[in-house]
Amino acid sequence: MKAKVVEVESEAFDLQERYDDVPHAWIQWKGTSVCMDVNCGCGCSSHICQESFVYYVKCPECSKIYFCNGHIELIEIKNISAEQNCIVEGELD
């Protein structure tokens, strides 16, 4: 997969993968904190922990700034043990 690059932040929103025709979710930040591992194109791996509203991340090595796509891929699992996993059931709109 080729890295996506834009000149200005408004272009990033239009360029992001939306997964329109496949199962997907959209993260809606509600003042909650997030921890995530970030892998930059320069090869640097970093960690962000307990930060709120993470719309962009900056690499501590090369200073590239990335837009965080709020769309996430959903992968169906046909056989899973509910007792061993944190499964959250969505509410109907």
Protein backbone atom coordinates (compact mmCIF):
# COMPACT_ATOMS: atom_id res chain seq x y z
CA MET A 1 0.00 0.00 0.00
CA LYS A 2 1.37 3.40 -0.96
CA ALA A 3 1.49 6.21 1.64
CA LYS A 4 -0.93 9.08 1.02
CA VAL A 5 0.42 12.65 1.06
CA VAL A 6 -1.50 15.94 0.80
CA GLU A 7 -0.49 19.60 0.93
CA VAL A 8 -3.17 20.89 3.34
CA GLU A 9 -5.30 19.30 6.05
CA SER A 10 -8.63 19.73 4.24
CA GLU A 11 -7.33 17.45 1.46
CA ALA A 12 -6.58 14.70 3.99
CA PHE A 13 -10.24 14.42 4.98
CA ASP A 14 -11.25 13.99 1.32
CA LEU A 15 -8.47 11.47 0.63
CA GLN A 16 -9.03 9.17 3.60
CA GLU A 17 -10.29 5.64 3.01
CA ARG A 18 -13.98 5.52 3.93
CA TYR A 19 -14.69 1.81 3.39
CA ASP A 20 -18.08 2.80 1.92
CA ASP A 21 -18.94 -0.59 0.43
CA VAL A 22 -17.62 -2.81 3.23
CA PRO A 23 -18.29 -3.09 6.98
CA HIS A 24 -16.60 -0.23 8.80
CA ALA A 25 -16.86 2.10 11.79
CA TRP A 26 -16.20 5.78 12.43
CA ILE A 27 -14.45 6.87 15.62
CA GLN A 28 -16.25 9.79 17.25
CA TRP A 29 -13.97 11.39 19.84
CA LYS A 30 -16.00 12.33 22.93
CA GLY A 31 -13.24 13.72 25.11
CA THR A 32 -11.87 10.25 25.75
CA SER A 33 -8.20 9.45 25.82
CA VAL A 34 -6.45 7.08 23.47
CA CYS A 35 -3.29 5.01 23.50
CA MET A 36 -1.88 3.93 20.15
CA ASP A 37 1.27 2.70 18.50
CA VAL A 38 2.31 4.88 15.57
CA ASN A 39 4.51 3.61 12.73
CA CYS A 40 5.88 6.40 10.53
CA GLY A 41 6.98 6.03 6.92
CA CYS A 42 10.54 6.88 8.03
CA GLY A 43 10.62 3.64 10.04
CA CYS A 44 10.17 5.20 13.48
CA SER A 45 7.78 3.46 15.87
CA SER A 46 6.39 5.56 18.71
CA HIS A 47 3.65 5.35 21.30
CA ILE A 48 0.97 7.85 22.26
CA CYS A 49 -0.81 7.30 25.55
CA GLN A 50 -3.63 9.02 27.40
CA GLU A 51 -4.07 11.81 24.83
CA SER A 52 -7.47 13.24 23.93
CA PHE A 53 -8.77 14.27 20.51
CA VAL A 54 -5.94 12.73 18.48
CA TYR A 55 -6.77 13.99 15.00
CA TYR A 56 -3.11 14.35 13.97
CA VAL A 57 0.15 12.74 15.09
CA LYS A 58 3.71 14.00 14.67
CA CYS A 59 6.68 11.66 14.29
CA PRO A 60 9.32 12.29 16.98
CA GLU A 61 12.10 11.33 14.52
CA CYS A 62 11.36 13.10 11.22
CA SER A 63 8.59 15.51 12.33
CA LYS A 64 6.14 14.37 9.62
CA ILE A 65 2.57 15.13 10.63
CA TYR A 66 -0.16 12.60 9.84
CA PHE A 67 -3.96 12.95 9.77
CA CYS A 68 -5.62 10.13 11.74
CA ASN A 69 -8.40 8.56 9.69
CA GLY A 70 -11.44 8.12 11.90
CA HIS A 71 -12.73 5.29 9.71
CA ILE A 72 -11.67 1.84 10.82
CA GLU A 73 -12.01 -1.49 9.08
CA LEU A 74 -14.33 -4.11 10.57
CA ILE A 75 -13.45 -7.76 10.03
CA GLU A 76 -16.23 -10.28 10.63
CA ILE A 77 -15.46 -13.16 12.97
CA LYS A 78 -17.76 -16.15 12.57
CA ASN A 79 -16.71 -18.14 15.64
CA ILE A 80 -15.67 -16.32 18.81
CA SER A 81 -15.89 -16.99 22.53
CA ALA A 82 -17.78 -14.06 24.07
CA GLU A 83 -16.49 -14.92 27.55
CA GLN A 84 -12.88 -14.35 26.49
CA ASN A 85 -13.27 -11.08 24.60
CA CYS A 86 -14.56 -7.54 25.16
CA ILE A 87 -17.54 -7.47 22.82
CA VAL A 88 -19.62 -4.29 22.75
CA GLU A 89 -23.05 -4.35 21.11
CA GLY A 90 -24.02 -1.24 19.18
CA GLU A 91 -27.19 0.73 19.77
CA LEU A 92 -29.67 1.26 16.95
CA ASP A 93 -29.91 4.82 15.62
